[in-house]
Amino acid sequence: MTDLLVVTTTVPDEALADKIAAAAVQGRLAACAQVQGPVRSTFHWQGAVEQATEWYCHCKTTRARYPELERLIRSLHPYAVPEIIALPILAGHAAFLDWISDTLAADR
């Protein structure tokens, strides 16, 4: 197990997903971020089943950077209850995982 995470959020448009990705990387809250979409979401909201077209933003980060990354996403996100999920990176290509850690090292 590593101290690395993939943090994912969905937003209503590509421009906002790009904005979150750029802000996270520029602020060294994520080593990299990918934008993916559109995707079709189906969900319960306020007593009804809703559907929406959304875009994903996936950020590679560390557990130490997660709280600040979540704050950034929440500050830019238009939803009352945004999806912000952190998934642990259990294993991966060692050089890539080292690159994430090195990129986000506190002394940079």
PDB file of N, CA and C in Angstrom:
ATOM      1  N   MET A   1       0.845  -1.185   0.000  1.00  0.00           N
ATOM      2  CA  MET A   1       0.000   0.000   0.000  1.00  0.00           C
ATOM      3  C   MET A   1       0.887   1.244   0.000  1.00  0.00           C
ATOM      4  N   THR A   2       0.436   2.255  -0.695  1.00  0.00           N
ATOM      5  CA  THR A   2       1.182   3.501  -0.780  1.00  0.00           C
ATOM      6  C   THR A   2       0.416   4.590  -0.040  1.00  0.00           C
ATOM      7  N   ASP A   3       1.009   5.766   0.037  1.00  0.00           N
ATOM      8  CA  ASP A   3       0.292   6.920   0.586  1.00  0.00           C
ATOM      9  C   ASP A   3      -0.274   7.781  -0.546  1.00  0.00           C
ATOM     10  N   LEU A   4      -0.454   7.175  -1.712  1.00  0.00           N
ATOM     11  CA  LEU A   4      -0.933   7.880  -2.885  1.00  0.00           C
ATOM     12  C   LEU A   4      -2.420   7.625  -3.114  1.00  0.00           C
ATOM     13  N   LEU A   5      -3.079   8.609  -3.723  1.00  0.00           N
ATOM     14  CA  LEU A   5      -4.513   8.547  -3.965  1.00  0.00           C
ATOM     15  C   LEU A   5      -4.836   8.985  -5.385  1.00  0.00           C
ATOM     16  N   VAL A   6      -5.953   8.479  -5.889  1.00  0.00           N
ATOM     17  CA  VAL A   6      -6.600   9.056  -7.055  1.00  0.00           C
ATOM     18  C   VAL A   6      -7.851   9.730  -6.513  1.00  0.00           C
ATOM     19  N   VAL A   7      -7.938  11.032  -6.703  1.00  0.00           N
ATOM     20  CA  VAL A   7      -9.099  11.793  -6.254  1.00  0.00           C
ATOM     21  C   VAL A   7      -9.914  12.131  -7.488  1.00  0.00           C
ATOM     22  N   THR A   8     -11.185  11.808  -7.447  1.00  0.00           N
ATOM     23  CA  THR A   8     -12.043  12.008  -8.603  1.00  0.00           C
ATOM     24  C   THR A   8     -13.240  12.871  -8.235  1.00  0.00           C
ATOM     25  N   THR A   9     -13.652  13.678  -9.191  1.00  0.00           N
ATOM     26  CA  THR A   9     -14.849  14.486  -9.044  1.00  0.00           C
ATOM     27  C   THR A   9     -15.546  14.570 -10.392  1.00  0.00           C
ATOM     28  N   THR A  10     -16.849  14.785 -10.364  1.00  0.00           N
ATOM     29  CA  THR A  10     -17.595  15.033 -11.590  1.00  0.00           C
ATOM     30  C   THR A  10     -18.124  16.456 -11.548  1.00  0.00           C
ATOM     31  N   VAL A  11     -18.125  17.092 -12.717  1.00  0.00           N
ATOM     32  CA  VAL A  11     -18.589  18.471 -12.848  1.00  0.00           C
ATOM     33  C   VAL A  11     -19.475  18.585 -14.089  1.00  0.00           C
ATOM     34  N   PRO A  12     -20.242  19.668 -14.205  1.00  0.00           N
ATOM     35  CA  PRO A  12     -21.217  19.744 -15.286  1.00  0.00           C
ATOM     36  C   PRO A  12     -20.657  20.081 -16.668  1.00  0.00           C
ATOM     37  N   ASP A  13     -19.394  20.503 -16.758  1.00  0.00           N
ATOM     38  CA  ASP A  13     -18.883  20.835 -18.093  1.00  0.00           C
ATOM     39  C   ASP A  13     -17.367  20.659 -18.168  1.00  0.00           C
ATOM     40  N   GLU A  14     -16.898  20.528 -19.396  1.00  0.00           N
ATOM     41  CA  GLU A  14     -15.479  20.278 -19.656  1.00  0.00           C
ATOM     42  C   GLU A  14     -14.597  21.430 -19.187  1.00  0.00           C
ATOM     43  N   ALA A  15     -15.047  22.658 -19.382  1.00  0.00           N
ATOM     44  CA  ALA A  15     -14.240  23.822 -18.989  1.00  0.00           C
ATOM     45  C   ALA A  15     -13.941  23.807 -17.494  1.00  0.00           C
ATOM     46  N   LEU A  16     -14.924  23.459 -16.677  1.00  0.00           N
ATOM     47  CA  LEU A  16     -14.703  23.410 -15.233  1.00  0.00           C
ATOM     48  C   LEU A  16     -13.782  22.251 -14.860  1.00  0.00           C
ATOM     49  N   ALA A  17     -13.936  21.120 -15.512  1.00  0.00           N
ATOM     50  CA  ALA A  17     -13.030  19.999 -15.253  1.00  0.00           C
ATOM     51  C   ALA A  17     -11.593  20.399 -15.586  1.00  0.00           C
ATOM     52  N   ASP A  18     -11.404  21.085 -16.714  1.00  0.00           N
ATOM     53  CA  ASP A  18     -10.067  21.574 -17.084  1.00  0.00           C
ATOM     54  C   ASP A  18      -9.539  22.575 -16.068  1.00  0.00           C
ATOM     55  N   LYS A  19     -10.407  23.443 -15.569  1.00  0.00           N
ATOM     56  CA  LYS A  19      -9.999  24.455 -14.581  1.00  0.00           C
ATOM     57  C   LYS A  19      -9.534  23.797 -13.280  1.00  0.00           C
ATOM     58  N   ILE A  20     -10.274  22.802 -12.820  1.00  0.00           N
ATOM     59  CA  ILE A  20      -9.885  22.078 -11.597  1.00  0.00           C
ATOM     60  C   ILE A  20      -8.568  21.356 -11.819  1.00  0.00           C
ATOM     61  N   ALA A  21      -8.423  20.677 -12.962  1.00  0.00           N
ATOM     62  CA  ALA A  21      -7.180  19.957 -13.259  1.00  0.00           C
ATOM     63  C   ALA A  21      -5.994  20.910 -13.256  1.00  0.00           C
ATOM     64  N   ALA A  22      -6.121  22.039 -13.937  1.00  0.00           N
ATOM     65  CA  ALA A  22      -5.019  23.003 -14.018  1.00  0.00           C
ATOM     66  C   ALA A  22      -4.689  23.589 -12.652  1.00  0.00           C
ATOM     67  N   ALA A  23      -5.702  23.958 -11.883  1.00  0.00           N
ATOM     68  CA  ALA A  23      -5.457  24.544 -10.561  1.00  0.00           C
ATOM     69  C   ALA A  23      -4.799  23.541  -9.625  1.00  0.00           C
ATOM     70  N   ALA A  24      -5.214  22.283  -9.684  1.00  0.00           N
ATOM     71  CA  ALA A  24      -4.633  21.252  -8.819  1.00  0.00           C
ATOM     72  C   ALA A  24      -3.170  21.014  -9.154  1.00  0.00           C
ATOM     73  N   VAL A  25      -2.854  20.940 -10.435  1.00  0.00           N
ATOM     74  CA  VAL A  25      -1.468  20.688 -10.845  1.00  0.00           C
ATOM     75  C   VAL A  25      -0.600  21.925 -10.601  1.00  0.00           C
ATOM     76  N   GLN A  26      -1.088  23.096 -10.986  1.00  0.00           N
ATOM     77  CA  GLN A  26      -0.308  24.321 -10.786  1.00  0.00           C
ATOM     78  C   GLN A  26      -0.038  24.580  -9.307  1.00  0.00           C
ATOM     79  N   GLY A  27      -1.000  24.238  -8.452  1.00  0.00           N
ATOM     80  CA  GLY A  27      -0.838  24.419  -7.017  1.00  0.00           C
ATOM     81  C   GLY A  27      -0.096  23.291  -6.326  1.00  0.00           C
ATOM     82  N   ARG A  28       0.412  22.334  -7.097  1.00  0.00           N
ATOM     83  CA  ARG A  28       1.105  21.144  -6.572  1.00  0.00           C
ATOM     84  C   ARG A  28       0.269  20.369  -5.567  1.00  0.00           C
ATOM     85  N   LEU A  29      -1.042  20.362  -5.811  1.00  0.00           N
ATOM     86  CA  LEU A  29      -1.942  19.517  -5.029  1.00  0.00           C
ATOM     87  C   LEU A  29      -2.153  18.188  -5.714  1.00  0.00           C
ATOM     88  N   ALA A  30      -1.784  18.120  -6.983  1.00  0.00           N
ATOM     89  CA  ALA A  30      -1.823  16.882  -7.764  1.00  0.00           C
ATOM     90  C   ALA A  30      -0.606  16.873  -8.678  1.00  0.00           C
ATOM     91  N   ALA A  31      -0.024  15.703  -8.867  1.00  0.00           N
ATOM     92  CA  ALA A  31       1.106  15.578  -9.787  1.00  0.00           C
ATOM     93  C   ALA A  31       0.623  15.634 -11.229  1.00  0.00           C
ATOM     94  N   CYS A  32      -0.571  15.100 -11.458  1.00  0.00           N
ATOM     95  CA  CYS A  32      -1.182  15.137 -12.780  1.00  0.00           C
ATOM     96  C   CYS A  32      -2.678  14.975 -12.615  1.00  0.00           C
ATOM     97  N   ALA A  33      -3.396  15.355 -13.657  1.00  0.00           N
ATOM     98  CA  ALA A  33      -4.852  15.221 -13.640  1.00  0.00           C
ATOM     99  C   ALA A  33      -5.329  14.934 -15.053  1.00  0.00           C
ATOM    100  N   GLN A  34      -6.326  14.101 -15.149  1.00  0.00           N
ATOM    101  CA  GLN A  34      -6.929  13.781 -16.434  1.00  0.00           C
ATOM    102  C   GLN A  34      -8.390  14.203 -16.411  1.00  0.00           C
ATOM    103  N   VAL A  35      -8.831  14.710 -17.554  1.00  0.00           N
ATOM    104  CA  VAL A  35     -10.227  15.065 -17.744  1.00  0.00           C
ATOM    105  C   VAL A  35     -10.812  14.059 -18.724  1.00  0.00           C
ATOM    106  N   GLN A  36     -11.976  13.557 -18.385  1.00  0.00           N
ATOM    107  CA  GLN A  36     -12.605  12.511 -19.182  1.00  0.00           C
ATOM    108  C   GLN A  36     -14.102  12.800 -19.286  1.00  0.00           C
ATOM    109  N   GLY A  37     -14.637  12.615 -20.464  1.00  0.00           N
ATOM    110  CA  GLY A  37     -16.068  12.794 -20.603  1.00  0.00           C
ATOM    111  C   GLY A  37     -16.431  13.050 -22.046  1.00  0.00           C
ATOM    112  N   PRO A  38     -17.648  13.304 -22.273  1.00  0.00           N
ATOM    113  CA  PRO A  38     -18.718  13.348 -21.280  1.00  0.00           C
ATOM    114  C   PRO A  38     -19.161  11.956 -20.843  1.00  0.00           C
ATOM    115  N   VAL A  39     -19.742  11.903 -19.662  1.00  0.00           N
ATOM    116  CA  VAL A  39     -20.345  10.685 -19.132  1.00  0.00           C
ATOM    117  C   VAL A  39     -21.782  11.015 -18.744  1.00  0.00           C
ATOM    118  N   ARG A  40     -22.598  10.018 -18.755  1.00  0.00           N
ATOM    119  CA  ARG A  40     -23.997  10.193 -18.371  1.00  0.00           C
ATOM    120  C   ARG A  40     -24.170   9.640 -16.971  1.00  0.00           C
ATOM    121  N   SER A  41     -24.629  10.475 -16.053  1.00  0.00           N
ATOM    122  CA  SER A  41     -24.827  10.069 -14.660  1.00  0.00           C
ATOM    123  C   SER A  41     -26.309   9.949 -14.356  1.00  0.00           C
ATOM    124  N   THR A  42     -26.660   8.930 -13.591  1.00  0.00           N
ATOM    125  CA  THR A  42     -28.017   8.729 -13.099  1.00  0.00           C
ATOM    126  C   THR A  42     -27.933   8.634 -11.589  1.00  0.00           C
ATOM    127  N   PHE A  43     -28.765   9.407 -10.885  1.00  0.00           N
ATOM    128  CA  PHE A  43     -28.615   9.498  -9.429  1.00  0.00           C
ATOM    129  C   PHE A  43     -29.919   9.939  -8.775  1.00  0.00           C
ATOM    130  N   HIS A  44     -30.042   9.631  -7.482  1.00  0.00           N
ATOM    131  CA  HIS A  44     -31.151  10.141  -6.674  1.00  0.00           C
ATOM    132  C   HIS A  44     -30.796  11.545  -6.221  1.00  0.00           C
ATOM    133  N   TRP A  45     -31.748  12.474  -6.353  1.00  0.00           N
ATOM    134  CA  TRP A  45     -31.523  13.829  -5.852  1.00  0.00           C
ATOM    135  C   TRP A  45     -32.874  14.430  -5.492  1.00  0.00           C
ATOM    136  N   GLN A  46     -33.004  14.814  -4.242  1.00  0.00           N
ATOM    137  CA  GLN A  46     -34.193  15.482  -3.728  1.00  0.00           C
ATOM    138  C   GLN A  46     -35.467  14.711  -4.073  1.00  0.00           C
ATOM    139  N   GLY A  47     -35.427  13.395  -3.831  1.00  0.00           N
ATOM    140  CA  GLY A  47     -36.599  12.553  -3.975  1.00  0.00           C
ATOM    141  C   GLY A  47     -36.924  12.077  -5.381  1.00  0.00           C
ATOM    142  N   ALA A  48     -36.059  12.392  -6.340  1.00  0.00           N
ATOM    143  CA  ALA A  48     -36.322  11.982  -7.720  1.00  0.00           C
ATOM    144  C   ALA A  48     -35.061  11.349  -8.308  1.00  0.00           C
ATOM    145  N   VAL A  49     -35.249  10.550  -9.344  1.00  0.00           N
ATOM    146  CA  VAL A  49     -34.121  10.020 -10.096  1.00  0.00           C
ATOM    147  C   VAL A  49     -33.820  11.011 -11.214  1.00  0.00           C
ATOM    148  N   GLU A  50     -32.600  11.485 -11.230  1.00  0.00           N
ATOM    149  CA  GLU A  50     -32.164  12.507 -12.181  1.00  0.00           C
ATOM    150  C   GLU A  50     -31.108  11.929 -13.110  1.00  0.00           C
ATOM    151  N   GLN A  51     -30.901  12.596 -14.227  1.00  0.00           N
ATOM    152  CA  GLN A  51     -29.803  12.274 -15.126  1.00  0.00           C
ATOM    153  C   GLN A  51     -29.110  13.571 -15.507  1.00  0.00           C
ATOM    154  N   ALA A  52     -27.800  13.485 -15.713  1.00  0.00           N
ATOM    155  CA  ALA A  52     -27.030  14.656 -16.119  1.00  0.00           C
ATOM    156  C   ALA A  52     -25.834  14.208 -16.947  1.00  0.00           C
ATOM    157  N   THR A  53     -25.393  15.059 -17.822  1.00  0.00           N
ATOM    158  CA  THR A  53     -24.150  14.858 -18.543  1.00  0.00           C
ATOM    159  C   THR A  53     -23.063  15.558 -17.744  1.00  0.00           C
ATOM    160  N   GLU A  54     -21.991  14.828 -17.449  1.00  0.00           N
ATOM    161  CA  GLU A  54     -20.919  15.358 -16.612  1.00  0.00           C
ATOM    162  C   GLU A  54     -19.562  15.014 -17.203  1.00  0.00           C
ATOM    163  N   TRP A  55     -18.541  15.607 -16.611  1.00  0.00           N
ATOM    164  CA  TRP A  55     -17.140  15.358 -16.955  1.00  0.00           C
ATOM    165  C   TRP A  55     -16.408  14.958 -15.684  1.00  0.00           C
ATOM    166  N   TYR A  56     -15.506  13.995 -15.812  1.00  0.00           N
ATOM    167  CA  TYR A  56     -14.657  13.576 -14.701  1.00  0.00           C
ATOM    168  C   TYR A  56     -13.362  14.358 -14.690  1.00  0.00           C
ATOM    169  N   CYS A  57     -12.863  14.600 -13.501  1.00  0.00           N
ATOM    170  CA  CYS A  57     -11.492  15.066 -13.309  1.00  0.00           C
ATOM    171  C   CYS A  57     -10.863  14.099 -12.310  1.00  0.00           C
ATOM    172  N   HIS A  58      -9.786  13.427 -12.728  1.00  0.00           N
ATOM    173  CA  HIS A  58      -9.070  12.458 -11.891  1.00  0.00           C
ATOM    174  C   HIS A  58      -7.705  13.043 -11.551  1.00  0.00           C
ATOM    175  N   CYS A  59      -7.397  13.183 -10.265  1.00  0.00           N
ATOM    176  CA  CYS A  59      -6.134  13.774  -9.811  1.00  0.00           C
ATOM    177  C   CYS A  59      -5.314  12.739  -9.049  1.00  0.00           C
ATOM    178  N   LYS A  60      -4.018  12.651  -9.374  1.00  0.00           N
ATOM    179  CA  LYS A  60      -3.108  11.788  -8.626  1.00  0.00           C
ATOM    180  C   LYS A  60      -2.418  12.647  -7.578  1.00  0.00           C
ATOM    181  N   THR A  61      -2.543  12.228  -6.308  1.00  0.00           N
ATOM    182  CA  THR A  61      -2.032  13.043  -5.216  1.00  0.00           C
ATOM    183  C   THR A  61      -1.558  12.155  -4.067  1.00  0.00           C
ATOM    184  N   THR A  62      -1.183  12.788  -2.967  1.00  0.00           N
ATOM    185  CA  THR A  62      -0.775  12.079  -1.755  1.00  0.00           C
ATOM    186  C   THR A  62      -1.829  12.286  -0.673  1.00  0.00           C
ATOM    187  N   ARG A  63      -1.807  11.405   0.309  1.00  0.00           N
ATOM    188  CA  ARG A  63      -2.726  11.574   1.445  1.00  0.00           C
ATOM    189  C   ARG A  63      -2.505  12.922   2.124  1.00  0.00           C
ATOM    190  N   ALA A  64      -1.261  13.355   2.213  1.00  0.00           N
ATOM    191  CA  ALA A  64      -0.951  14.627   2.857  1.00  0.00           C
ATOM    192  C   ALA A  64      -1.561  15.812   2.109  1.00  0.00           C
ATOM    193  N   ARG A  65      -1.655  15.728   0.789  1.00  0.00           N
ATOM    194  CA  ARG A  65      -2.187  16.828  -0.018  1.00  0.00           C
ATOM    195  C   ARG A  65      -3.712  16.766  -0.173  1.00  0.00           C
ATOM    196  N   TYR A  66      -4.303  15.651   0.215  1.00  0.00           N
ATOM    197  CA  TYR A  66      -5.746  15.486   0.002  1.00  0.00           C
ATOM    198  C   TYR A  66      -6.600  16.606   0.612  1.00  0.00           C
ATOM    199  N   PRO A  67      -6.415  16.966   1.886  1.00  0.00           N
ATOM    200  CA  PRO A  67      -7.317  17.988   2.449  1.00  0.00           C
ATOM    201  C   PRO A  67      -7.313  19.299   1.657  1.00  0.00           C
ATOM    202  N   GLU A  68      -6.143  19.739   1.230  1.00  0.00           N
ATOM    203  CA  GLU A  68      -6.068  20.975   0.470  1.00  0.00           C
ATOM    204  C   GLU A  68      -6.679  20.800  -0.931  1.00  0.00           C
ATOM    205  N   LEU A  69      -6.475  19.634  -1.535  1.00  0.00           N
ATOM    206  CA  LEU A  69      -7.083  19.368  -2.839  1.00  0.00           C
ATOM    207  C   LEU A  69      -8.607  19.356  -2.719  1.00  0.00           C
ATOM    208  N   GLU A  70      -9.131  18.731  -1.677  1.00  0.00           N
ATOM    209  CA  GLU A  70     -10.580  18.741  -1.480  1.00  0.00           C
ATOM    210  C   GLU A  70     -11.096  20.170  -1.320  1.00  0.00           C
ATOM    211  N   ARG A  71     -10.389  20.993  -0.555  1.00  0.00           N
ATOM    212  CA  ARG A  71     -10.810  22.390  -0.391  1.00  0.00           C
ATOM    213  C   ARG A  71     -10.832  23.120  -1.731  1.00  0.00           C
ATOM    214  N   LEU A  72      -9.818  22.895  -2.551  1.00  0.00           N
ATOM    215  CA  LEU A  72      -9.770  23.524  -3.868  1.00  0.00           C
ATOM    216  C   LEU A  72     -10.977  23.096  -4.706  1.00  0.00           C
ATOM    217  N   ILE A  73     -11.220  21.801  -4.782  1.00  0.00           N
ATOM    218  CA  ILE A  73     -12.346  21.299  -5.577  1.00  0.00           C
ATOM    219  C   ILE A  73     -13.652  21.901  -5.068  1.00  0.00           C
ATOM    220  N   ARG A  74     -13.846  21.895  -3.760  1.00  0.00           N
ATOM    221  CA  ARG A  74     -15.088  22.435  -3.200  1.00  0.00           C
ATOM    222  C   ARG A  74     -15.240  23.918  -3.501  1.00  0.00           C
ATOM    223  N   SER A  75     -14.134  24.652  -3.515  1.00  0.00           N
ATOM    224  CA  SER A  75     -14.218  26.092  -3.781  1.00  0.00           C
ATOM    225  C   SER A  75     -14.604  26.396  -5.226  1.00  0.00           C
ATOM    226  N   LEU A  76     -14.309  25.491  -6.144  1.00  0.00           N
ATOM    227  CA  LEU A  76     -14.602  25.698  -7.560  1.00  0.00           C
ATOM    228  C   LEU A  76     -15.886  25.003  -8.017  1.00  0.00           C
ATOM    229  N   HIS A  77     -16.398  24.103  -7.215  1.00  0.00           N
ATOM    230  CA  HIS A  77     -17.492  23.214  -7.618  1.00  0.00           C
ATOM    231  C   HIS A  77     -18.857  23.876  -7.438  1.00  0.00           C
ATOM    232  N   PRO A  78     -19.731  23.758  -8.435  1.00  0.00           N
ATOM    233  CA  PRO A  78     -21.043  24.398  -8.323  1.00  0.00           C
ATOM    234  C   PRO A  78     -22.114  23.567  -7.607  1.00  0.00           C
ATOM    235  N   TYR A  79     -21.864  22.282  -7.387  1.00  0.00           N
ATOM    236  CA  TYR A  79     -22.902  21.426  -6.804  1.00  0.00           C
ATOM    237  C   TYR A  79     -23.001  21.623  -5.294  1.00  0.00           C
ATOM    238  N   ALA A  80     -24.218  21.487  -4.753  1.00  0.00           N
ATOM    239  CA  ALA A  80     -24.425  21.555  -3.310  1.00  0.00           C
ATOM    240  C   ALA A  80     -23.712  20.399  -2.604  1.00  0.00           C
ATOM    241  N   VAL A  81     -23.717  19.225  -3.238  1.00  0.00           N
ATOM    242  CA  VAL A  81     -23.061  18.029  -2.682  1.00  0.00           C
ATOM    243  C   VAL A  81     -22.183  17.441  -3.783  1.00  0.00           C
ATOM    244  N   PRO A  82     -20.976  17.980  -3.944  1.00  0.00           N
ATOM    245  CA  PRO A  82     -20.120  17.477  -5.027  1.00  0.00           C
ATOM    246  C   PRO A  82     -19.573  16.080  -4.736  1.00  0.00           C
ATOM    247  N   GLU A  83     -19.436  15.302  -5.799  1.00  0.00           N
ATOM    248  CA  GLU A  83     -18.740  14.023  -5.685  1.00  0.00           C
ATOM    249  C   GLU A  83     -17.250  14.314  -5.588  1.00  0.00           C
ATOM    250  N   ILE A  84     -16.669  13.978  -4.459  1.00  0.00           N
ATOM    251  CA  ILE A  84     -15.213  14.044  -4.279  1.00  0.00           C
ATOM    252  C   ILE A  84     -14.849  12.742  -3.588  1.00  0.00           C
ATOM    253  N   ILE A  85     -14.189  11.861  -4.317  1.00  0.00           N
ATOM    254  CA  ILE A  85     -13.870  10.530  -3.803  1.00  0.00           C
ATOM    255  C   ILE A  85     -12.366  10.305  -3.923  1.00  0.00           C
ATOM    256  N   ALA A  86     -11.767   9.825  -2.850  1.00  0.00           N
ATOM    257  CA  ALA A  86     -10.352   9.479  -2.852  1.00  0.00           C
ATOM    258  C   ALA A  86     -10.208   7.968  -2.790  1.00  0.00           C
ATOM    259  N   LEU A  87      -9.532   7.422  -3.783  1.00  0.00           N
ATOM    260  CA  LEU A  87      -9.286   5.987  -3.846  1.00  0.00           C
ATOM    261  C   LEU A  87      -7.800   5.731  -3.643  1.00  0.00           C
ATOM    262  N   PRO A  88      -7.442   4.782  -2.785  1.00  0.00           N
ATOM    263  CA  PRO A  88      -6.024   4.506  -2.565  1.00  0.00           C
ATOM    264  C   PRO A  88      -5.394   3.833  -3.785  1.00  0.00           C
ATOM    265  N   ILE A  89      -4.180   4.204  -4.054  1.00  0.00           N
ATOM    266  CA  ILE A  89      -3.384   3.506  -5.061  1.00  0.00           C
ATOM    267  C   ILE A  89      -2.646   2.412  -4.310  1.00  0.00           C
ATOM    268  N   LEU A  90      -3.076   1.184  -4.495  1.00  0.00           N
ATOM    269  CA  LEU A  90      -2.505   0.071  -3.750  1.00  0.00           C
ATOM    270  C   LEU A  90      -1.158  -0.363  -4.307  1.00  0.00           C
ATOM    271  N   ALA A  91      -1.009  -0.272  -5.610  1.00  0.00           N
ATOM    272  CA  ALA A  91       0.229  -0.684  -6.264  1.00  0.00           C
ATOM    273  C   ALA A  91       0.249  -0.049  -7.641  1.00  0.00           C
ATOM    274  N   GLY A  92       1.413  -0.065  -8.260  1.00  0.00           N
ATOM    275  CA  GLY A  92       1.552   0.477  -9.601  1.00  0.00           C
ATOM    276  C   GLY A  92       2.995   0.450 -10.030  1.00  0.00           C
ATOM    277  N   HIS A  93       3.250   0.962 -11.214  1.00  0.00           N
ATOM    278  CA  HIS A  93       4.611   1.046 -11.745  1.00  0.00           C
ATOM    279  C   HIS A  93       5.442   1.921 -10.806  1.00  0.00           C
ATOM    280  N   ALA A  94       6.478   1.345 -10.224  1.00  0.00           N
ATOM    281  CA  ALA A  94       7.246   2.015  -9.170  1.00  0.00           C
ATOM    282  C   ALA A  94       7.770   3.376  -9.613  1.00  0.00           C
ATOM    283  N   ALA A  95       8.274   3.478 -10.828  1.00  0.00           N
ATOM    284  CA  ALA A  95       8.821   4.760 -11.291  1.00  0.00           C
ATOM    285  C   ALA A  95       7.723   5.825 -11.361  1.00  0.00           C
ATOM    286  N   PHE A  96       6.525   5.450 -11.784  1.00  0.00           N
ATOM    287  CA  PHE A  96       5.419   6.409 -11.852  1.00  0.00           C
ATOM    288  C   PHE A  96       4.994   6.832 -10.454  1.00  0.00           C
ATOM    289  N   LEU A  97       4.877   5.879  -9.548  1.00  0.00           N
ATOM    290  CA  LEU A  97       4.486   6.205  -8.173  1.00  0.00           C
ATOM    291  C   LEU A  97       5.524   7.091  -7.511  1.00  0.00           C
ATOM    292  N   ASP A  98       6.810   6.815  -7.752  1.00  0.00           N
ATOM    293  CA  ASP A  98       7.878   7.675  -7.224  1.00  0.00           C
ATOM    294  C   ASP A  98       7.768   9.078  -7.795  1.00  0.00           C
ATOM    295  N   TRP A  99       7.431   9.178  -9.085  1.00  0.00           N
ATOM    296  CA  TRP A  99       7.291  10.480  -9.719  1.00  0.00           C
ATOM    297  C   TRP A  99       6.181  11.296  -9.048  1.00  0.00           C
ATOM    298  N   ILE A 100       5.049  10.667  -8.739  1.00  0.00           N
ATOM    299  CA  ILE A 100       3.981  11.380  -8.042  1.00  0.00           C
ATOM    300  C   ILE A 100       4.500  11.909  -6.710  1.00  0.00           C
ATOM    301  N   SER A 101       5.130  11.040  -5.923  1.00  0.00           N
ATOM    302  CA  SER A 101       5.638  11.443  -4.597  1.00  0.00           C
ATOM    303  C   SER A 101       6.674  12.552  -4.719  1.00  0.00           C
ATOM    304  N   ASP A 102       7.598  12.391  -5.644  1.00  0.00           N
ATOM    305  CA  ASP A 102       8.654  13.400  -5.821  1.00  0.00           C
ATOM    306  C   ASP A 102       8.087  14.734  -6.271  1.00  0.00           C
ATOM    307  N   THR A 103       7.123  14.701  -7.160  1.00  0.00           N
ATOM    308  CA  THR A 103       6.524  15.933  -7.670  1.00  0.00           C
ATOM    309  C   THR A 103       5.810  16.710  -6.577  1.00  0.00           C
ATOM    310  N   LEU A 104       5.238  15.999  -5.622  1.00  0.00           N
ATOM    311  CA  LEU A 104       4.470  16.649  -4.567  1.00  0.00           C
ATOM    312  C   LEU A 104       5.225  16.738  -3.251  1.00  0.00           C
ATOM    313  N   ALA A 105       6.522  16.465  -3.259  1.00  0.00           N
ATOM    314  CA  ALA A 105       7.323  16.529  -2.035  1.00  0.00           C
ATOM    315  C   ALA A 105       7.214  17.924  -1.418  1.00  0.00           C
ATOM    316  N   ALA A 106       7.153  17.951  -0.104  1.00  0.00           N
ATOM    317  CA  ALA A 106       6.945  19.204   0.629  1.00  0.00           C
ATOM    318  C   ALA A 106       8.046  20.222   0.396  1.00  0.00           C
ATOM    319  N   ASP A 107       9.251  19.782   0.075  1.00  0.00           N
ATOM    320  CA  ASP A 107      10.383  20.717  -0.061  1.00  0.00           C
ATOM    321  C   ASP A 107      10.475  21.332  -1.458  1.00  0.00           C
ATOM    322  N   ARG A 108       9.531  21.097  -2.326  1.00  0.00           N
ATOM    323  CA  ARG A 108       9.575  21.687  -3.688  1.00  0.00           C
ATOM    324  C   ARG A 108       9.137  23.104  -3.672  1.00  0.00           C
TER     325      ARG A 108
END
